[in-house]
Amino acid sequence: MRKLTSETNNLNEILNKSVKYGIISSLITFLFMLLIWGISIMNFFNKHYDFKNFGNPLILYDPKASFVGWIVLMILISPFLQLLTTIFSFYITLVINKNNDNTA
């Protein structure tokens, strides 16, 4: 953050870089989640797989639907939430640092 704000005072450039870095970090997380949980997708096509004992919570009250919901949550929604959190925390840090610079 300090390096990014010390390189330039152009707010648009700083905000664009923060979004860029957030996207990069969430894409890396997406790839890792795909590697970790992607193997489990093959269980969906197995007719004899026991979805009750997969270990995920029954968030949708049906073992198979909960399995699909869990996989979607882990692979797609988790990186998206990381992107939102990264951008939000970057903006909050930027606002706090700008306010500290103005009051000092």
C-alpha atoms as a PDB file:
ATOM      1  CA  MET A   1       0.000   0.000   0.000  1.00  0.00           C
ATOM      2  CA  ARG A   2       2.705   2.483   0.931  1.00  0.00           C
ATOM      3  CA  LYS A   3       4.716   1.587  -2.141  1.00  0.00           C
ATOM      4  CA  LEU A   4       1.676   2.021  -4.354  1.00  0.00           C
ATOM      5  CA  THR A   5       0.770   5.412  -2.907  1.00  0.00           C
ATOM      6  CA  SER A   6       4.373   6.615  -2.872  1.00  0.00           C
ATOM      7  CA  GLU A   7       4.791   5.901  -6.604  1.00  0.00           C
ATOM      8  CA  THR A   8       2.009   8.252  -7.668  1.00  0.00           C
ATOM      9  CA  ASN A   9      -0.594  10.650  -6.310  1.00  0.00           C
ATOM     10  CA  ASN A  10      -3.044   9.937  -9.127  1.00  0.00           C
ATOM     11  CA  LEU A  11      -6.068   8.451  -7.381  1.00  0.00           C
ATOM     12  CA  ASN A  12      -7.414   6.709 -10.497  1.00  0.00           C
ATOM     13  CA  GLU A  13      -4.105   4.944 -11.044  1.00  0.00           C
ATOM     14  CA  ILE A  14      -3.962   3.837  -7.417  1.00  0.00           C
ATOM     15  CA  LEU A  15      -7.534   2.519  -7.493  1.00  0.00           C
ATOM     16  CA  ASN A  16      -6.967   0.741 -10.815  1.00  0.00           C
ATOM     17  CA  LYS A  17      -3.879  -0.968  -9.439  1.00  0.00           C
ATOM     18  CA  SER A  18      -5.760  -2.040  -6.329  1.00  0.00           C
ATOM     19  CA  VAL A  19      -8.461  -3.665  -8.453  1.00  0.00           C
ATOM     20  CA  LYS A  20      -5.789  -5.269 -10.631  1.00  0.00           C
ATOM     21  CA  TYR A  21      -3.954  -6.714  -7.622  1.00  0.00           C
ATOM     22  CA  GLY A  22      -7.235  -7.915  -6.124  1.00  0.00           C
ATOM     23  CA  ILE A  23      -8.143  -9.695  -9.352  1.00  0.00           C
ATOM     24  CA  ILE A  24      -4.715 -11.316  -9.538  1.00  0.00           C
ATOM     25  CA  SER A  25      -4.928 -12.597  -5.967  1.00  0.00           C
ATOM     26  CA  SER A  26      -8.459 -13.915  -6.448  1.00  0.00           C
ATOM     27  CA  LEU A  27      -7.477 -15.664  -9.694  1.00  0.00           C
ATOM     28  CA  ILE A  28      -4.645 -17.396  -7.856  1.00  0.00           C
ATOM     29  CA  THR A  29      -7.102 -18.455  -5.165  1.00  0.00           C
ATOM     30  CA  PHE A  30      -9.529 -19.646  -7.870  1.00  0.00           C
ATOM     31  CA  LEU A  31      -6.807 -21.823  -9.415  1.00  0.00           C
ATOM     32  CA  PHE A  32      -5.874 -23.325  -6.050  1.00  0.00           C
ATOM     33  CA  MET A  33      -9.523 -23.985  -5.207  1.00  0.00           C
ATOM     34  CA  LEU A  34     -10.000 -25.588  -8.596  1.00  0.00           C
ATOM     35  CA  LEU A  35      -7.027 -27.848  -7.927  1.00  0.00           C
ATOM     36  CA  ILE A  36      -8.176 -28.723  -4.415  1.00  0.00           C
ATOM     37  CA  TRP A  37     -11.929 -29.126  -4.963  1.00  0.00           C
ATOM     38  CA  GLY A  38     -12.050 -29.843  -8.695  1.00  0.00           C
ATOM     39  CA  ILE A  39     -11.278 -33.502  -8.142  1.00  0.00           C
ATOM     40  CA  SER A  40     -14.475 -33.771  -6.107  1.00  0.00           C
ATOM     41  CA  ILE A  41     -16.576 -32.791  -9.125  1.00  0.00           C
ATOM     42  CA  MET A  42     -16.057 -36.275 -10.534  1.00  0.00           C
ATOM     43  CA  ASN A  43     -17.976 -37.680  -7.539  1.00  0.00           C
ATOM     44  CA  PHE A  44     -21.116 -35.955  -8.812  1.00  0.00           C
ATOM     45  CA  PHE A  45     -21.204 -38.275 -11.823  1.00  0.00           C
ATOM     46  CA  ASN A  46     -20.654 -41.427  -9.754  1.00  0.00           C
ATOM     47  CA  LYS A  47     -24.043 -43.089  -9.204  1.00  0.00           C
ATOM     48  CA  HIS A  48     -22.880 -44.998  -6.140  1.00  0.00           C
ATOM     49  CA  TYR A  49     -21.158 -42.143  -4.328  1.00  0.00           C
ATOM     50  CA  ASP A  50     -22.341 -41.497  -0.760  1.00  0.00           C
ATOM     51  CA  PHE A  51     -22.933 -37.727  -0.592  1.00  0.00           C
ATOM     52  CA  LYS A  52     -24.029 -37.921   3.045  1.00  0.00           C
ATOM     53  CA  ASN A  53     -20.524 -38.861   4.162  1.00  0.00           C
ATOM     54  CA  PHE A  54     -18.643 -36.341   2.031  1.00  0.00           C
ATOM     55  CA  GLY A  55     -18.096 -34.157   5.093  1.00  0.00           C
ATOM     56  CA  ASN A  56     -19.700 -30.928   3.934  1.00  0.00           C
ATOM     57  CA  PRO A  57     -22.546 -29.322   5.887  1.00  0.00           C
ATOM     58  CA  LEU A  58     -26.081 -29.988   4.680  1.00  0.00           C
ATOM     59  CA  ILE A  59     -26.672 -26.374   3.695  1.00  0.00           C
ATOM     60  CA  LEU A  60     -29.454 -27.209   1.232  1.00  0.00           C
ATOM     61  CA  TYR A  61     -31.080 -30.078   3.225  1.00  0.00           C
ATOM     62  CA  ASP A  62     -30.316 -32.596   0.481  1.00  0.00           C
ATOM     63  CA  PRO A  63     -26.930 -34.316   0.392  1.00  0.00           C
ATOM     64  CA  LYS A  64     -26.474 -34.056  -3.379  1.00  0.00           C
ATOM     65  CA  ALA A  65     -27.675 -30.448  -3.599  1.00  0.00           C
ATOM     66  CA  SER A  66     -25.489 -29.543  -0.617  1.00  0.00           C
ATOM     67  CA  PHE A  67     -22.517 -31.154  -2.358  1.00  0.00           C
ATOM     68  CA  VAL A  68     -23.097 -29.048  -5.479  1.00  0.00           C
ATOM     69  CA  GLY A  69     -23.626 -25.923  -3.370  1.00  0.00           C
ATOM     70  CA  TRP A  70     -20.449 -26.594  -1.418  1.00  0.00           C
ATOM     71  CA  ILE A  71     -18.371 -27.066  -4.579  1.00  0.00           C
ATOM     72  CA  VAL A  72     -19.776 -23.857  -6.097  1.00  0.00           C
ATOM     73  CA  LEU A  73     -19.134 -22.031  -2.837  1.00  0.00           C
ATOM     74  CA  MET A  74     -15.543 -23.211  -2.599  1.00  0.00           C
ATOM     75  CA  ILE A  75     -14.526 -22.818  -6.249  1.00  0.00           C
ATOM     76  CA  LEU A  76     -16.450 -19.723  -7.386  1.00  0.00           C
ATOM     77  CA  ILE A  77     -17.793 -17.723  -4.478  1.00  0.00           C
ATOM     78  CA  SER A  78     -14.718 -17.871  -2.203  1.00  0.00           C
ATOM     79  CA  PRO A  79     -12.381 -16.171  -4.714  1.00  0.00           C
ATOM     80  CA  PHE A  80     -15.058 -13.581  -5.489  1.00  0.00           C
ATOM     81  CA  LEU A  81     -15.454 -12.776  -1.787  1.00  0.00           C
ATOM     82  CA  GLN A  82     -11.679 -12.524  -1.523  1.00  0.00           C
ATOM     83  CA  LEU A  83     -11.720 -10.008  -4.386  1.00  0.00           C
ATOM     84  CA  LEU A  84     -14.373  -7.915  -2.664  1.00  0.00           C
ATOM     85  CA  THR A  85     -12.562  -8.052   0.665  1.00  0.00           C
ATOM     86  CA  THR A  86      -9.213  -7.137  -0.881  1.00  0.00           C
ATOM     87  CA  ILE A  87     -10.617  -4.132  -2.716  1.00  0.00           C
ATOM     88  CA  PHE A  88     -12.661  -2.969   0.275  1.00  0.00           C
ATOM     89  CA  SER A  89      -9.739  -3.214   2.687  1.00  0.00           C
ATOM     90  CA  PHE A  90      -7.461  -1.453   0.213  1.00  0.00           C
ATOM     91  CA  TYR A  91      -9.916   1.427  -0.120  1.00  0.00           C
ATOM     92  CA  ILE A  92     -10.381   1.700   3.644  1.00  0.00           C
ATOM     93  CA  THR A  93      -6.604   1.718   4.131  1.00  0.00           C
ATOM     94  CA  LEU A  94      -6.268   4.370   1.437  1.00  0.00           C
ATOM     95  CA  VAL A  95      -8.891   6.569   3.110  1.00  0.00           C
ATOM     96  CA  ILE A  96      -7.267   6.177   6.530  1.00  0.00           C
ATOM     97  CA  ASN A  97      -3.801   6.962   5.149  1.00  0.00           C
ATOM     98  CA  LYS A  98      -5.063  10.006   3.237  1.00  0.00           C
ATOM     99  CA  ASN A  99      -6.827  11.299   6.364  1.00  0.00           C
ATOM    100  CA  ASN A 100      -3.658  10.795   8.423  1.00  0.00           C
ATOM    101  CA  ASP A 101      -1.603  12.618   5.799  1.00  0.00           C
ATOM    102  CA  ASN A 102      -4.047  15.548   5.768  1.00  0.00           C
ATOM    103  CA  THR A 103      -4.162  15.908   9.565  1.00  0.00           C
ATOM    104  CA  ALA A 104      -0.409  15.651  10.110  1.00  0.00           C
END
